[in-house]
Amino acid sequence: MCKVGAPILEAALVLAVSATTEVKKIYQAFLWIALGIGNKDTAQYALSEYLTLAEGENGKLMLSLVQKTLSKIESVEDVLWTTSEVF
C-alpha cells in the first residue's frame, strides 16, 4: 500500500461500484485481495493505509464498499465462480 498504487485502487473502486454487475464483481474481488479483507490480521491495516492515501470522496466510498460488500465475501473464489460467464 503506497501512494504509487493508490490510483490503481481508486480506479478499481470506481469500477467496483459503478460498472455492470459482472464487472463490479471482478473488481470487488480484486479489492478484497488487494486490501487483504480475507485476512483479519492485515485487513484493518491495509484499509487504514488506503484511507490515508485516498483522495476526495474515495475514502468514504471505499469504507462504505468494505462495510456493505467486501466484508461479506467469505472467499474470493465464490465471487469469481459466479462471474465465470464473463470470461
PDB file of N, CA and C in Angstrom:
ATOM      1  N   MET A   1       0.844  -1.159   0.000  1.00  0.00           N
ATOM      2  CA  MET A   1       0.000   0.000   0.000  1.00  0.00           C
ATOM      3  C   MET A   1       0.898   1.233   0.000  1.00  0.00           C
ATOM      4  N   CYS A   2       0.852   1.964  -1.109  1.00  0.00           N
ATOM      5  CA  CYS A   2       1.695   3.149  -1.216  1.00  0.00           C
ATOM      6  C   CYS A   2       1.027   4.160  -2.138  1.00  0.00           C
ATOM      7  N   LYS A   3       1.562   5.350  -2.165  1.00  0.00           N
ATOM      8  CA  LYS A   3       0.994   6.427  -2.973  1.00  0.00           C
ATOM      9  C   LYS A   3       0.991   6.080  -4.466  1.00  0.00           C
ATOM     10  N   VAL A   4       1.992   5.339  -4.912  1.00  0.00           N
ATOM     11  CA  VAL A   4       2.070   4.952  -6.318  1.00  0.00           C
ATOM     12  C   VAL A   4       0.934   3.994  -6.687  1.00  0.00           C
ATOM     13  N   GLY A   5       0.556   3.113  -5.764  1.00  0.00           N
ATOM     14  CA  GLY A   5      -0.502   2.146  -6.031  1.00  0.00           C
ATOM     15  C   GLY A   5      -1.909   2.668  -5.814  1.00  0.00           C
ATOM     16  N   ALA A   6      -2.039   3.802  -5.145  1.00  0.00           N
ATOM     17  CA  ALA A   6      -3.363   4.355  -4.835  1.00  0.00           C
ATOM     18  C   ALA A   6      -4.225   4.595  -6.079  1.00  0.00           C
ATOM     19  N   PRO A   7      -3.684   5.116  -7.182  1.00  0.00           N
ATOM     20  CA  PRO A   7      -4.533   5.309  -8.369  1.00  0.00           C
ATOM     21  C   PRO A   7      -5.113   3.998  -8.913  1.00  0.00           C
ATOM     22  N   ILE A   8      -4.382   2.925  -8.773  1.00  0.00           N
ATOM     23  CA  ILE A   8      -4.895   1.626  -9.219  1.00  0.00           C
ATOM     24  C   ILE A   8      -6.082   1.217  -8.366  1.00  0.00           C
ATOM     25  N   LEU A   9      -5.941   1.377  -7.047  1.00  0.00           N
ATOM     26  CA  LEU A   9      -7.042   1.043  -6.149  1.00  0.00           C
ATOM     27  C   LEU A   9      -8.237   1.964  -6.378  1.00  0.00           C
ATOM     28  N   GLU A  10      -7.983   3.221  -6.654  1.00  0.00           N
ATOM     29  CA  GLU A  10      -9.077   4.156  -6.900  1.00  0.00           C
ATOM     30  C   GLU A  10      -9.810   3.834  -8.200  1.00  0.00           C
ATOM     31  N   ALA A  11      -9.087   3.440  -9.230  1.00  0.00           N
ATOM     32  CA  ALA A  11      -9.733   3.032 -10.480  1.00  0.00           C
ATOM     33  C   ALA A  11     -10.560   1.772 -10.256  1.00  0.00           C
ATOM     34  N   ALA A  12     -10.011   0.831  -9.503  1.00  0.00           N
ATOM     35  CA  ALA A  12     -10.755  -0.396  -9.194  1.00  0.00           C
ATOM     36  C   ALA A  12     -11.989  -0.078  -8.363  1.00  0.00           C
ATOM     37  N   LEU A  13     -11.872   0.871  -7.464  1.00  0.00           N
ATOM     38  CA  LEU A  13     -13.008   1.280  -6.638  1.00  0.00           C
ATOM     39  C   LEU A  13     -14.144   1.820  -7.502  1.00  0.00           C
ATOM     40  N   VAL A  14     -13.807   2.683  -8.437  1.00  0.00           N
ATOM     41  CA  VAL A  14     -14.825   3.251  -9.322  1.00  0.00           C
ATOM     42  C   VAL A  14     -15.544   2.137 -10.080  1.00  0.00           C
ATOM     43  N   LEU A  15     -14.800   1.189 -10.606  1.00  0.00           N
ATOM     44  CA  LEU A  15     -15.407   0.087 -11.357  1.00  0.00           C
ATOM     45  C   LEU A  15     -16.164  -0.875 -10.446  1.00  0.00           C
ATOM     46  N   ALA A  16     -15.733  -1.005  -9.200  1.00  0.00           N
ATOM     47  CA  ALA A  16     -16.396  -1.906  -8.252  1.00  0.00           C
ATOM     48  C   ALA A  16     -17.758  -1.383  -7.805  1.00  0.00           C
ATOM     49  N   VAL A  17     -17.994  -0.102  -7.995  1.00  0.00           N
ATOM     50  CA  VAL A  17     -19.285   0.447  -7.567  1.00  0.00           C
ATOM     51  C   VAL A  17     -20.149   0.960  -8.715  1.00  0.00           C
ATOM     52  N   SER A  18     -19.576   1.168  -9.889  1.00  0.00           N
ATOM     53  CA  SER A  18     -20.369   1.814 -10.934  1.00  0.00           C
ATOM     54  C   SER A  18     -20.462   1.059 -12.252  1.00  0.00           C
ATOM     55  N   ALA A  19     -19.788  -0.043 -12.380  1.00  0.00           N
ATOM     56  CA  ALA A  19     -19.817  -0.794 -13.648  1.00  0.00           C
ATOM     57  C   ALA A  19     -21.015  -1.749 -13.671  1.00  0.00           C
ATOM     58  N   THR A  20     -21.096  -2.548 -14.722  1.00  0.00           N
ATOM     59  CA  THR A  20     -22.139  -3.564 -14.786  1.00  0.00           C
ATOM     60  C   THR A  20     -21.893  -4.600 -13.692  1.00  0.00           C
ATOM     61  N   THR A  21     -22.887  -5.381 -13.375  1.00  0.00           N
ATOM     62  CA  THR A  21     -22.801  -6.335 -12.276  1.00  0.00           C
ATOM     63  C   THR A  21     -21.618  -7.278 -12.417  1.00  0.00           C
ATOM     64  N   GLU A  22     -21.384  -7.813 -13.608  1.00  0.00           N
ATOM     65  CA  GLU A  22     -20.293  -8.755 -13.803  1.00  0.00           C
ATOM     66  C   GLU A  22     -18.938  -8.090 -13.564  1.00  0.00           C
ATOM     67  N   VAL A  23     -18.783  -6.876 -14.072  1.00  0.00           N
ATOM     68  CA  VAL A  23     -17.527  -6.145 -13.906  1.00  0.00           C
ATOM     69  C   VAL A  23     -17.342  -5.750 -12.441  1.00  0.00           C
ATOM     70  N   LYS A  24     -18.417  -5.317 -11.786  1.00  0.00           N
ATOM     71  CA  LYS A  24     -18.350  -4.971 -10.365  1.00  0.00           C
ATOM     72  C   LYS A  24     -17.767  -6.109  -9.558  1.00  0.00           C
ATOM     73  N   LYS A  25     -18.255  -7.309  -9.800  1.00  0.00           N
ATOM     74  CA  LYS A  25     -17.807  -8.466  -9.024  1.00  0.00           C
ATOM     75  C   LYS A  25     -16.321  -8.735  -9.204  1.00  0.00           C
ATOM     76  N   ILE A  26     -15.829  -8.585 -10.402  1.00  0.00           N
ATOM     77  CA  ILE A  26     -14.409  -8.802 -10.662  1.00  0.00           C
ATOM     78  C   ILE A  26     -13.569  -7.792  -9.875  1.00  0.00           C
ATOM     79  N   TYR A  27     -13.954  -6.537  -9.921  1.00  0.00           N
ATOM     80  CA  TYR A  27     -13.184  -5.512  -9.208  1.00  0.00           C
ATOM     81  C   TYR A  27     -13.390  -5.579  -7.702  1.00  0.00           C
ATOM     82  N   GLN A  28     -14.535  -6.037  -7.255  1.00  0.00           N
ATOM     83  CA  GLN A  28     -14.722  -6.264  -5.824  1.00  0.00           C
ATOM     84  C   GLN A  28     -13.801  -7.376  -5.349  1.00  0.00           C
ATOM     85  N   ALA A  29     -13.656  -8.414  -6.156  1.00  0.00           N
ATOM     86  CA  ALA A  29     -12.729  -9.500  -5.815  1.00  0.00           C
ATOM     87  C   ALA A  29     -11.298  -8.978  -5.778  1.00  0.00           C
ATOM     88  N   PHE A  30     -10.936  -8.142  -6.737  1.00  0.00           N
ATOM     89  CA  PHE A  30      -9.596  -7.543  -6.755  1.00  0.00           C
ATOM     90  C   PHE A  30      -9.348  -6.734  -5.481  1.00  0.00           C
ATOM     91  N   LEU A  31     -10.289  -5.887  -5.110  1.00  0.00           N
ATOM     92  CA  LEU A  31     -10.119  -5.060  -3.911  1.00  0.00           C
ATOM     93  C   LEU A  31     -10.097  -5.915  -2.652  1.00  0.00           C
ATOM     94  N   TRP A  32     -10.875  -6.992  -2.632  1.00  0.00           N
ATOM     95  CA  TRP A  32     -10.890  -7.909  -1.492  1.00  0.00           C
ATOM     96  C   TRP A  32      -9.491  -8.478  -1.273  1.00  0.00           C
ATOM     97  N   ILE A  33      -8.834  -8.834  -2.377  1.00  0.00           N
ATOM     98  CA  ILE A  33      -7.473  -9.365  -2.291  1.00  0.00           C
ATOM     99  C   ILE A  33      -6.479  -8.251  -1.959  1.00  0.00           C
ATOM    100  N   ALA A  34      -6.559  -7.133  -2.681  1.00  0.00           N
ATOM    101  CA  ALA A  34      -5.596  -6.039  -2.509  1.00  0.00           C
ATOM    102  C   ALA A  34      -5.617  -5.472  -1.088  1.00  0.00           C
ATOM    103  N   LEU A  35      -6.785  -5.399  -0.490  1.00  0.00           N
ATOM    104  CA  LEU A  35      -6.899  -4.868   0.868  1.00  0.00           C
ATOM    105  C   LEU A  35      -6.759  -5.948   1.937  1.00  0.00           C
ATOM    106  N   GLY A  36      -6.639  -7.204   1.508  1.00  0.00           N
ATOM    107  CA  GLY A  36      -6.465  -8.291   2.459  1.00  0.00           C
ATOM    108  C   GLY A  36      -7.671  -8.505   3.348  1.00  0.00           C
ATOM    109  N   ILE A  37      -8.851  -8.278   2.820  1.00  0.00           N
ATOM    110  CA  ILE A  37     -10.073  -8.370   3.623  1.00  0.00           C
ATOM    111  C   ILE A  37     -10.253  -9.773   4.211  1.00  0.00           C
ATOM    112  N   GLY A  38      -9.840 -10.782   3.497  1.00  0.00           N
ATOM    113  CA  GLY A  38      -9.977 -12.148   3.991  1.00  0.00           C
ATOM    114  C   GLY A  38      -9.045 -12.480   5.142  1.00  0.00           C
ATOM    115  N   ASN A  39      -8.020 -11.681   5.336  1.00  0.00           N
ATOM    116  CA  ASN A  39      -7.062 -11.893   6.419  1.00  0.00           C
ATOM    117  C   ASN A  39      -7.324 -10.842   7.494  1.00  0.00           C
ATOM    118  N   LYS A  40      -7.970 -11.249   8.553  1.00  0.00           N
ATOM    119  CA  LYS A  40      -8.379 -10.308   9.600  1.00  0.00           C
ATOM    120  C   LYS A  40      -7.197  -9.584  10.242  1.00  0.00           C
ATOM    121  N   ASP A  41      -6.002 -10.175  10.196  1.00  0.00           N
ATOM    122  CA  ASP A  41      -4.832  -9.549  10.799  1.00  0.00           C
ATOM    123  C   ASP A  41      -4.340  -8.350   9.998  1.00  0.00           C
ATOM    124  N   THR A  42      -4.480  -8.389   8.679  1.00  0.00           N
ATOM    125  CA  THR A  42      -3.949  -7.314   7.840  1.00  0.00           C
ATOM    126  C   THR A  42      -5.017  -6.389   7.275  1.00  0.00           C
ATOM    127  N   ALA A  43      -6.265  -6.793   7.300  1.00  0.00           N
ATOM    128  CA  ALA A  43      -7.326  -6.010   6.657  1.00  0.00           C
ATOM    129  C   ALA A  43      -7.440  -4.611   7.238  1.00  0.00           C
ATOM    130  N   GLN A  44      -7.429  -4.483   8.533  1.00  0.00           N
ATOM    131  CA  GLN A  44      -7.574  -3.159   9.149  1.00  0.00           C
ATOM    132  C   GLN A  44      -6.394  -2.259   8.783  1.00  0.00           C
ATOM    133  N   TYR A  45      -5.205  -2.822   8.758  1.00  0.00           N
ATOM    134  CA  TYR A  45      -4.011  -2.038   8.411  1.00  0.00           C
ATOM    135  C   TYR A  45      -4.095  -1.539   6.966  1.00  0.00           C
ATOM    136  N   ALA A  46      -4.402  -2.443   6.045  1.00  0.00           N
ATOM    137  CA  ALA A  46      -4.448  -2.073   4.631  1.00  0.00           C
ATOM    138  C   ALA A  46      -5.527  -1.023   4.379  1.00  0.00           C
ATOM    139  N   LEU A  47      -6.681  -1.194   4.987  1.00  0.00           N
ATOM    140  CA  LEU A  47      -7.753  -0.222   4.801  1.00  0.00           C
ATOM    141  C   LEU A  47      -7.360   1.141   5.377  1.00  0.00           C
ATOM    142  N   SER A  48      -6.789   1.155   6.552  1.00  0.00           N
ATOM    143  CA  SER A  48      -6.394   2.443   7.141  1.00  0.00           C
ATOM    144  C   SER A  48      -5.292   3.109   6.325  1.00  0.00           C
ATOM    145  N   GLU A  49      -4.372   2.321   5.767  1.00  0.00           N
ATOM    146  CA  GLU A  49      -3.338   2.882   4.894  1.00  0.00           C
ATOM    147  C   GLU A  49      -3.964   3.495   3.644  1.00  0.00           C
ATOM    148  N   TYR A  50      -4.923   2.778   3.063  1.00  0.00           N
ATOM    149  CA  TYR A  50      -5.584   3.325   1.875  1.00  0.00           C
ATOM    150  C   TYR A  50      -6.305   4.624   2.233  1.00  0.00           C
ATOM    151  N   LEU A  51      -6.992   4.649   3.363  1.00  0.00           N
ATOM    152  CA  LEU A  51      -7.746   5.836   3.745  1.00  0.00           C
ATOM    153  C   LEU A  51      -6.849   7.056   3.925  1.00  0.00           C
ATOM    154  N   THR A  52      -5.599   6.850   4.339  1.00  0.00           N
ATOM    155  CA  THR A  52      -4.684   7.987   4.463  1.00  0.00           C
ATOM    156  C   THR A  52      -4.201   8.470   3.091  1.00  0.00           C
ATOM    157  N   LEU A  53      -4.220   7.577   2.105  1.00  0.00           N
ATOM    158  CA  LEU A  53      -3.769   7.929   0.756  1.00  0.00           C
ATOM    159  C   LEU A  53      -4.900   8.390  -0.159  1.00  0.00           C
ATOM    160  N   ALA A  54      -6.135   8.072   0.202  1.00  0.00           N
ATOM    161  CA  ALA A  54      -7.281   8.330  -0.676  1.00  0.00           C
ATOM    162  C   ALA A  54      -7.465   9.823  -0.927  1.00  0.00           C
ATOM    163  N   GLU A  55      -7.934  10.118  -2.117  1.00  0.00           N
ATOM    164  CA  GLU A  55      -8.176  11.498  -2.494  1.00  0.00           C
ATOM    165  C   GLU A  55      -9.672  11.750  -2.630  1.00  0.00           C
ATOM    166  N   GLY A  56     -10.103  12.926  -2.222  1.00  0.00           N
ATOM    167  CA  GLY A  56     -11.505  13.298  -2.357  1.00  0.00           C
ATOM    168  C   GLY A  56     -12.422  12.406  -1.546  1.00  0.00           C
ATOM    169  N   GLU A  57     -13.508  12.028  -2.167  1.00  0.00           N
ATOM    170  CA  GLU A  57     -14.531  11.205  -1.514  1.00  0.00           C
ATOM    171  C   GLU A  57     -14.225   9.708  -1.598  1.00  0.00           C
ATOM    172  N   ASN A  58     -13.112   9.347  -2.213  1.00  0.00           N
ATOM    173  CA  ASN A  58     -12.810   7.927  -2.400  1.00  0.00           C
ATOM    174  C   ASN A  58     -12.653   7.171  -1.094  1.00  0.00           C
ATOM    175  N   GLY A  59     -12.152   7.803  -0.057  1.00  0.00           N
ATOM    176  CA  GLY A  59     -12.016   7.147   1.239  1.00  0.00           C
ATOM    177  C   GLY A  59     -13.358   6.727   1.794  1.00  0.00           C
ATOM    178  N   LYS A  60     -14.333   7.637   1.742  1.00  0.00           N
ATOM    179  CA  LYS A  60     -15.687   7.326   2.226  1.00  0.00           C
ATOM    180  C   LYS A  60     -16.325   6.234   1.378  1.00  0.00           C
ATOM    181  N   LEU A  61     -16.112   6.317   0.078  1.00  0.00           N
ATOM    182  CA  LEU A  61     -16.675   5.328  -0.839  1.00  0.00           C
ATOM    183  C   LEU A  61     -16.085   3.945  -0.580  1.00  0.00           C
ATOM    184  N   MET A  62     -14.753   3.885  -0.377  1.00  0.00           N
ATOM    185  CA  MET A  62     -14.099   2.601  -0.103  1.00  0.00           C
ATOM    186  C   MET A  62     -14.579   2.039   1.226  1.00  0.00           C
ATOM    187  N   LEU A  63     -14.668   2.864   2.240  1.00  0.00           N
ATOM    188  CA  LEU A  63     -15.129   2.408   3.544  1.00  0.00           C
ATOM    189  C   LEU A  63     -16.537   1.846   3.447  1.00  0.00           C
ATOM    190  N   SER A  64     -17.387   2.490   2.718  1.00  0.00           N
ATOM    191  CA  SER A  64     -18.750   2.008   2.515  1.00  0.00           C
ATOM    192  C   SER A  64     -18.760   0.674   1.774  1.00  0.00           C
ATOM    193  N   LEU A  65     -17.950   0.571   0.725  1.00  0.00           N
ATOM    194  CA  LEU A  65     -17.869  -0.680  -0.038  1.00  0.00           C
ATOM    195  C   LEU A  65     -17.376  -1.823   0.843  1.00  0.00           C
ATOM    196  N   VAL A  66     -16.373  -1.553   1.657  1.00  0.00           N
ATOM    197  CA  VAL A  66     -15.843  -2.588   2.548  1.00  0.00           C
ATOM    198  C   VAL A  66     -16.913  -3.027   3.538  1.00  0.00           C
ATOM    199  N   GLN A  67     -17.600  -2.074   4.156  1.00  0.00           N
ATOM    200  CA  GLN A  67     -18.593  -2.398   5.169  1.00  0.00           C
ATOM    201  C   GLN A  67     -19.806  -3.114   4.599  1.00  0.00           C
ATOM    202  N   LYS A  68     -20.277  -2.686   3.438  1.00  0.00           N
ATOM    203  CA  LYS A  68     -21.516  -3.225   2.878  1.00  0.00           C
ATOM    204  C   LYS A  68     -21.314  -4.460   2.005  1.00  0.00           C
ATOM    205  N   THR A  69     -20.149  -4.591   1.377  1.00  0.00           N
ATOM    206  CA  THR A  69     -19.974  -5.656   0.390  1.00  0.00           C
ATOM    207  C   THR A  69     -18.755  -6.534   0.650  1.00  0.00           C
ATOM    208  N   LEU A  70     -17.582  -5.927   0.685  1.00  0.00           N
ATOM    209  CA  LEU A  70     -16.353  -6.716   0.752  1.00  0.00           C
ATOM    210  C   LEU A  70     -16.240  -7.530   2.032  1.00  0.00           C
ATOM    211  N   SER A  71     -16.698  -6.992   3.140  1.00  0.00           N
ATOM    212  CA  SER A  71     -16.592  -7.721   4.409  1.00  0.00           C
ATOM    213  C   SER A  71     -17.501  -8.948   4.438  1.00  0.00           C
ATOM    214  N   LYS A  72     -18.475  -9.006   3.544  1.00  0.00           N
ATOM    215  CA  LYS A  72     -19.406 -10.146   3.493  1.00  0.00           C
ATOM    216  C   LYS A  72     -18.907 -11.275   2.599  1.00  0.00           C
ATOM    217  N   ILE A  73     -17.864 -11.016   1.837  1.00  0.00           N
ATOM    218  CA  ILE A  73     -17.294 -12.049   0.964  1.00  0.00           C
ATOM    219  C   ILE A  73     -16.459 -12.987   1.828  1.00  0.00           C
ATOM    220  N   GLU A  74     -16.782 -14.263   1.783  1.00  0.00           N
ATOM    221  CA  GLU A  74     -16.027 -15.244   2.565  1.00  0.00           C
ATOM    222  C   GLU A  74     -14.801 -15.735   1.816  1.00  0.00           C
ATOM    223  N   SER A  75     -14.936 -15.865   0.515  1.00  0.00           N
ATOM    224  CA  SER A  75     -13.840 -16.365  -0.306  1.00  0.00           C
ATOM    225  C   SER A  75     -13.925 -15.719  -1.681  1.00  0.00           C
ATOM    226  N   VAL A  76     -12.810 -15.270  -2.179  1.00  0.00           N
ATOM    227  CA  VAL A  76     -12.809 -14.629  -3.485  1.00  0.00           C
ATOM    228  C   VAL A  76     -13.204 -15.623  -4.575  1.00  0.00           C
ATOM    229  N   GLU A  77     -12.959 -16.894  -4.347  1.00  0.00           N
ATOM    230  CA  GLU A  77     -13.361 -17.904  -5.329  1.00  0.00           C
ATOM    231  C   GLU A  77     -14.873 -17.898  -5.525  1.00  0.00           C
ATOM    232  N   ASP A  78     -15.622 -17.638  -4.458  1.00  0.00           N
ATOM    233  CA  ASP A  78     -17.078 -17.572  -4.578  1.00  0.00           C
ATOM    234  C   ASP A  78     -17.498 -16.470  -5.547  1.00  0.00           C
ATOM    235  N   VAL A  79     -16.832 -15.344  -5.476  1.00  0.00           N
ATOM    236  CA  VAL A  79     -17.140 -14.219  -6.360  1.00  0.00           C
ATOM    237  C   VAL A  79     -16.754 -14.558  -7.784  1.00  0.00           C
ATOM    238  N   LEU A  80     -15.558 -15.095  -7.969  1.00  0.00           N
ATOM    239  CA  LEU A  80     -15.079 -15.390  -9.314  1.00  0.00           C
ATOM    240  C   LEU A  80     -15.864 -16.499  -9.983  1.00  0.00           C
ATOM    241  N   TRP A  81     -16.288 -17.508  -9.242  1.00  0.00           N
ATOM    242  CA  TRP A  81     -17.067 -18.588  -9.842  1.00  0.00           C
ATOM    243  C   TRP A  81     -18.428 -18.099 -10.300  1.00  0.00           C
ATOM    244  N   THR A  82     -18.990 -17.115  -9.606  1.00  0.00           N
ATOM    245  CA  THR A  82     -20.319 -16.612 -10.015  1.00  0.00           C
ATOM    246  C   THR A  82     -20.219 -15.693 -11.211  1.00  0.00           C
ATOM    247  N   THR A  83     -19.015 -15.289 -11.601  1.00  0.00           N
ATOM    248  CA  THR A  83     -18.847 -14.418 -12.760  1.00  0.00           C
ATOM    249  C   THR A  83     -18.113 -15.114 -13.891  1.00  0.00           C
ATOM    250  N   SER A  84     -18.061 -16.428 -13.870  1.00  0.00           N
ATOM    251  CA  SER A  84     -17.281 -17.162 -14.873  1.00  0.00           C
ATOM    252  C   SER A  84     -17.801 -16.953 -16.290  1.00  0.00           C
ATOM    253  N   GLU A  85     -19.077 -16.590 -16.447  1.00  0.00           N
ATOM    254  CA  GLU A  85     -19.596 -16.370 -17.789  1.00  0.00           C
ATOM    255  C   GLU A  85     -18.997 -15.146 -18.446  1.00  0.00           C
ATOM    256  N   VAL A  86     -18.359 -14.261 -17.663  1.00  0.00           N
ATOM    257  CA  VAL A  86     -17.694 -13.085 -18.213  1.00  0.00           C
ATOM    258  C   VAL A  86     -16.500 -13.495 -19.059  1.00  0.00           C
ATOM    259  N   PHE A  87     -15.794 -14.516 -18.613  1.00  0.00           N
ATOM    260  CA  PHE A  87     -14.601 -14.943 -19.307  1.00  0.00           C
ATOM    261  C   PHE A  87     -14.966 -15.828 -20.456  1.00  0.00           C
TER     262      PHE A  87
END
